[in-house]
């Protein structure tokens, strides 16, 4: 019996949820860093319309690209029979 077989199913589920939350947070930080560097010329008291639009578009493109890559990778895995 491997170590994973001994973990309570509820605990395993909770660990998976926490792992997904951590991955989501990492992705949010990645979006923030990338888009902030791309769109923010100089920090001010508030965001101007141009900067806000740039940030929104940047995050949307980042999400679109991530989803496209994930989908493409999934297709490749299916075609190869999961042999990655």
N, C-alpha and C. Protein backbone atom coordinates (compact mmCIF):
# COMPACT_ATOMS: atom_id res chain seq x y z
N UNK A 1 0.84 -1.17 0.00
CA UNK A 1 0.00 0.00 0.00
C UNK A 1 0.89 1.24 0.00
N UNK A 2 0.65 2.20 -0.90
CA UNK A 2 1.46 3.41 -0.93
C UNK A 2 0.96 4.40 0.11
N UNK A 3 1.73 5.44 0.35
CA UNK A 3 1.37 6.45 1.35
C UNK A 3 0.07 7.16 1.02
N UNK A 4 -0.21 7.39 -0.27
CA UNK A 4 -1.43 8.07 -0.67
C UNK A 4 -2.68 7.25 -0.38
N UNK A 5 -2.55 5.91 -0.40
CA UNK A 5 -3.70 5.05 -0.14
C UNK A 5 -4.15 5.15 1.31
N UNK A 6 -3.28 5.59 2.19
CA UNK A 6 -3.59 5.64 3.61
C UNK A 6 -4.22 6.97 4.02
N UNK A 7 -4.27 7.95 3.12
CA UNK A 7 -4.85 9.25 3.44
C UNK A 7 -6.37 9.16 3.36
N UNK A 8 -7.02 9.69 4.38
CA UNK A 8 -8.48 9.75 4.42
C UNK A 8 -8.99 10.48 3.17
N UNK A 9 -10.02 9.95 2.49
CA UNK A 9 -10.53 10.59 1.28
C UNK A 9 -10.95 12.05 1.49
N UNK A 10 -11.55 12.36 2.63
CA UNK A 10 -11.96 13.74 2.90
C UNK A 10 -10.73 14.65 3.02
N UNK A 11 -9.70 14.14 3.67
CA UNK A 11 -8.46 14.91 3.80
C UNK A 11 -7.80 15.09 2.44
N UNK A 12 -7.80 14.04 1.64
CA UNK A 12 -7.23 14.11 0.29
C UNK A 12 -7.97 15.17 -0.52
N UNK A 13 -9.29 15.19 -0.43
CA UNK A 13 -10.10 16.18 -1.15
C UNK A 13 -9.75 17.59 -0.67
N UNK A 14 -9.63 17.77 0.63
CA UNK A 14 -9.29 19.07 1.20
C UNK A 14 -7.90 19.52 0.72
N UNK A 15 -6.96 18.60 0.66
CA UNK A 15 -5.62 18.92 0.18
C UNK A 15 -5.65 19.34 -1.29
N UNK A 16 -6.45 18.65 -2.08
CA UNK A 16 -6.58 19.00 -3.50
C UNK A 16 -7.17 20.40 -3.66
N UNK A 17 -8.17 20.72 -2.84
CA UNK A 17 -8.79 22.04 -2.90
C UNK A 17 -7.78 23.12 -2.53
N UNK A 18 -7.02 22.88 -1.48
CA UNK A 18 -6.01 23.86 -1.05
C UNK A 18 -4.92 24.03 -2.11
N UNK A 19 -4.56 22.95 -2.76
CA UNK A 19 -3.56 23.02 -3.83
C UNK A 19 -4.09 23.86 -4.98
N UNK A 20 -5.36 23.68 -5.33
CA UNK A 20 -5.96 24.47 -6.41
C UNK A 20 -6.03 25.95 -6.02
N UNK A 21 -6.35 26.23 -4.76
CA UNK A 21 -6.36 27.63 -4.30
C UNK A 21 -4.98 28.24 -4.42
N UNK A 22 -3.96 27.50 -4.04
CA UNK A 22 -2.58 28.00 -4.12
C UNK A 22 -2.19 28.26 -5.58
N UNK A 23 -2.57 27.36 -6.48
CA UNK A 23 -2.27 27.55 -7.90
C UNK A 23 -2.98 28.79 -8.44
N UNK A 24 -4.22 28.97 -8.02
CA UNK A 24 -4.99 30.14 -8.45
C UNK A 24 -4.31 31.42 -7.96
N UNK A 25 -3.90 31.44 -6.69
CA UNK A 25 -3.23 32.62 -6.15
C UNK A 25 -1.92 32.91 -6.89
N UNK A 26 -1.17 31.87 -7.22
CA UNK A 26 0.07 32.05 -7.99
C UNK A 26 -0.24 32.68 -9.34
N UNK A 27 -1.30 32.22 -9.98
CA UNK A 27 -1.68 32.75 -11.28
C UNK A 27 -2.09 34.22 -11.16
N UNK A 28 -2.83 34.56 -10.13
CA UNK A 28 -3.24 35.96 -9.92
C UNK A 28 -2.01 36.84 -9.73
N UNK A 29 -1.05 36.38 -8.96
CA UNK A 29 0.17 37.16 -8.75
C UNK A 29 0.95 37.31 -10.06
N UNK A 30 0.95 36.27 -10.86
CA UNK A 30 1.64 36.32 -12.15
C UNK A 30 0.97 37.35 -13.07
N UNK A 31 -0.39 37.32 -13.12
CA UNK A 31 -1.13 38.32 -13.90
C UNK A 31 -0.77 39.72 -13.43
N UNK A 32 -0.83 39.91 -12.12
CA UNK A 32 -0.59 41.22 -11.53
C UNK A 32 0.80 41.73 -11.89
N UNK A 33 1.81 40.92 -11.68
CA UNK A 33 3.18 41.34 -11.97
C UNK A 33 3.37 41.67 -13.44
N UNK A 34 2.93 40.77 -14.30
CA UNK A 34 3.12 40.96 -15.74
C UNK A 34 2.38 42.19 -16.24
N UNK A 35 1.12 42.29 -15.89
CA UNK A 35 0.30 43.38 -16.41
C UNK A 35 0.66 44.72 -15.77
N UNK A 36 1.04 44.71 -14.51
CA UNK A 36 1.46 45.95 -13.84
C UNK A 36 2.69 46.51 -14.55
N UNK A 37 3.67 45.64 -14.80
CA UNK A 37 4.90 46.08 -15.46
C UNK A 37 4.63 46.58 -16.87
N UNK A 38 3.68 45.95 -17.56
CA UNK A 38 3.37 46.33 -18.94
C UNK A 38 2.58 47.64 -19.01
N UNK A 39 1.66 47.85 -18.09
CA UNK A 39 0.70 48.95 -18.22
C UNK A 39 0.98 50.17 -17.35
N UNK A 40 1.70 50.02 -16.29
CA UNK A 40 1.86 51.11 -15.33
C UNK A 40 3.10 51.93 -15.66
N UNK A 41 2.88 53.15 -16.16
CA UNK A 41 4.01 54.04 -16.46
C UNK A 41 4.57 54.64 -15.18
N UNK A 42 3.69 55.31 -14.46
CA UNK A 42 4.11 55.92 -13.20
C UNK A 42 2.94 55.87 -12.22
N UNK A 43 3.17 55.38 -11.03
CA UNK A 43 2.10 55.30 -10.03
C UNK A 43 1.57 56.69 -9.67
N UNK A 44 0.28 56.78 -9.52
CA UNK A 44 -0.35 58.02 -9.11
C UNK A 44 -1.35 57.75 -8.00
N UNK A 45 -2.17 58.74 -7.70
CA UNK A 45 -3.18 58.58 -6.66
C UNK A 45 -4.30 57.64 -7.07
N UNK A 46 -4.56 57.56 -8.39
CA UNK A 46 -5.59 56.65 -8.89
C UNK A 46 -5.23 56.26 -10.32
N UNK A 47 -5.88 55.21 -10.80
CA UNK A 47 -5.63 54.74 -12.16
C UNK A 47 -6.36 55.63 -13.16
N UNK A 48 -5.67 56.00 -14.22
CA UNK A 48 -6.36 56.72 -15.28
C UNK A 48 -7.04 55.70 -16.19
N UNK A 49 -7.91 56.18 -17.05
CA UNK A 49 -8.68 55.29 -17.92
C UNK A 49 -7.81 54.43 -18.82
N UNK A 50 -6.74 55.03 -19.35
CA UNK A 50 -5.85 54.30 -20.25
C UNK A 50 -5.18 53.14 -19.52
N UNK A 51 -4.69 53.40 -18.32
CA UNK A 51 -4.01 52.35 -17.54
C UNK A 51 -4.99 51.26 -17.14
N UNK A 52 -6.18 51.65 -16.72
CA UNK A 52 -7.19 50.66 -16.32
C UNK A 52 -7.56 49.77 -17.50
N UNK A 53 -7.76 50.37 -18.66
CA UNK A 53 -8.09 49.59 -19.86
C UNK A 53 -6.95 48.64 -20.22
N UNK A 54 -5.72 49.14 -20.12
CA UNK A 54 -4.56 48.30 -20.42
C UNK A 54 -4.51 47.10 -19.47
N UNK A 55 -4.73 47.34 -18.18
CA UNK A 55 -4.69 46.25 -17.19
C UNK A 55 -5.77 45.21 -17.48
N UNK A 56 -6.99 45.67 -17.76
CA UNK A 56 -8.09 44.75 -18.05
C UNK A 56 -7.78 43.93 -19.29
N UNK A 57 -7.34 44.59 -20.36
CA UNK A 57 -7.02 43.88 -21.60
C UNK A 57 -5.87 42.90 -21.40
N UNK A 58 -4.87 43.31 -20.65
CA UNK A 58 -3.71 42.45 -20.40
C UNK A 58 -4.13 41.17 -19.68
N UNK A 59 -4.92 41.32 -18.63
CA UNK A 59 -5.36 40.14 -17.87
C UNK A 59 -6.23 39.24 -18.74
N UNK A 60 -7.13 39.84 -19.50
CA UNK A 60 -7.99 39.04 -20.38
C UNK A 60 -7.17 38.26 -21.41
N UNK A 61 -6.17 38.89 -22.01
CA UNK A 61 -5.32 38.19 -22.98
C UNK A 61 -4.50 37.10 -22.30
N UNK A 62 -4.03 37.38 -21.10
CA UNK A 62 -3.26 36.40 -20.34
C UNK A 62 -4.11 35.17 -20.06
N UNK A 63 -5.36 35.40 -19.65
CA UNK A 63 -6.28 34.30 -19.36
C UNK A 63 -6.58 33.53 -20.65
N UNK A 64 -6.89 34.26 -21.73
CA UNK A 64 -7.17 33.60 -23.02
C UNK A 64 -6.01 32.72 -23.45
N UNK A 65 -4.81 33.25 -23.34
CA UNK A 65 -3.61 32.49 -23.75
C UNK A 65 -3.42 31.26 -22.88
N UNK A 66 -3.59 31.43 -21.58
CA UNK A 66 -3.43 30.30 -20.66
C UNK A 66 -4.45 29.21 -20.97
N UNK A 67 -5.69 29.60 -21.22
CA UNK A 67 -6.73 28.62 -21.54
C UNK A 67 -6.44 27.92 -22.87
N UNK A 68 -5.97 28.67 -23.85
CA UNK A 68 -5.64 28.08 -25.15
C UNK A 68 -4.51 27.06 -25.01
N UNK A 69 -3.48 27.41 -24.27
CA UNK A 69 -2.35 26.49 -24.07
C UNK A 69 -2.80 25.25 -23.32
N UNK A 70 -3.61 25.44 -22.28
CA UNK A 70 -4.11 24.31 -21.50
C UNK A 70 -4.96 23.39 -22.37
N UNK A 71 -5.83 23.98 -23.18
CA UNK A 71 -6.68 23.18 -24.07
C UNK A 71 -5.83 22.41 -25.07
N UNK A 72 -4.86 23.09 -25.66
CA UNK A 72 -3.99 22.44 -26.65
C UNK A 72 -3.20 21.30 -26.03
N UNK A 73 -2.68 21.52 -24.84
CA UNK A 73 -1.93 20.48 -24.15
C UNK A 73 -2.84 19.28 -23.87
N UNK A 74 -4.08 19.55 -23.44
CA UNK A 74 -5.04 18.47 -23.19
C UNK A 74 -5.32 17.66 -24.44
N UNK A 75 -5.43 18.36 -25.58
CA UNK A 75 -5.65 17.65 -26.85
C UNK A 75 -4.46 16.77 -27.20
N UNK A 76 -3.27 17.28 -26.99
CA UNK A 76 -2.06 16.49 -27.27
C UNK A 76 -1.99 15.26 -26.38
N UNK A 77 -2.34 15.42 -25.13
CA UNK A 77 -2.33 14.29 -24.19
C UNK A 77 -3.35 13.25 -24.63
N UNK A 78 -4.55 13.69 -25.02
CA UNK A 78 -5.58 12.74 -25.46
C UNK A 78 -5.13 11.99 -26.71
N UNK A 79 -4.55 12.71 -27.67
CA UNK A 79 -4.10 12.08 -28.90
C UNK A 79 -3.00 11.06 -28.66
N UNK A 80 -2.15 11.35 -27.70
CA UNK A 80 -1.04 10.43 -27.43
C UNK A 80 -1.44 9.34 -26.45
N UNK A 81 -2.69 9.35 -26.02
CA UNK A 81 -3.16 8.33 -25.08
C UNK A 81 -2.69 8.57 -23.66
N UNK A 82 -2.37 9.83 -23.36
CA UNK A 82 -1.95 10.15 -21.99
C UNK A 82 -0.54 9.73 -21.68
N UNK A 83 0.25 9.47 -22.69
CA UNK A 83 1.60 8.96 -22.47
C UNK A 83 2.66 10.01 -22.27
N UNK A 84 2.32 11.16 -21.73
CA UNK A 84 3.33 12.20 -21.48
C UNK A 84 4.09 11.91 -20.24
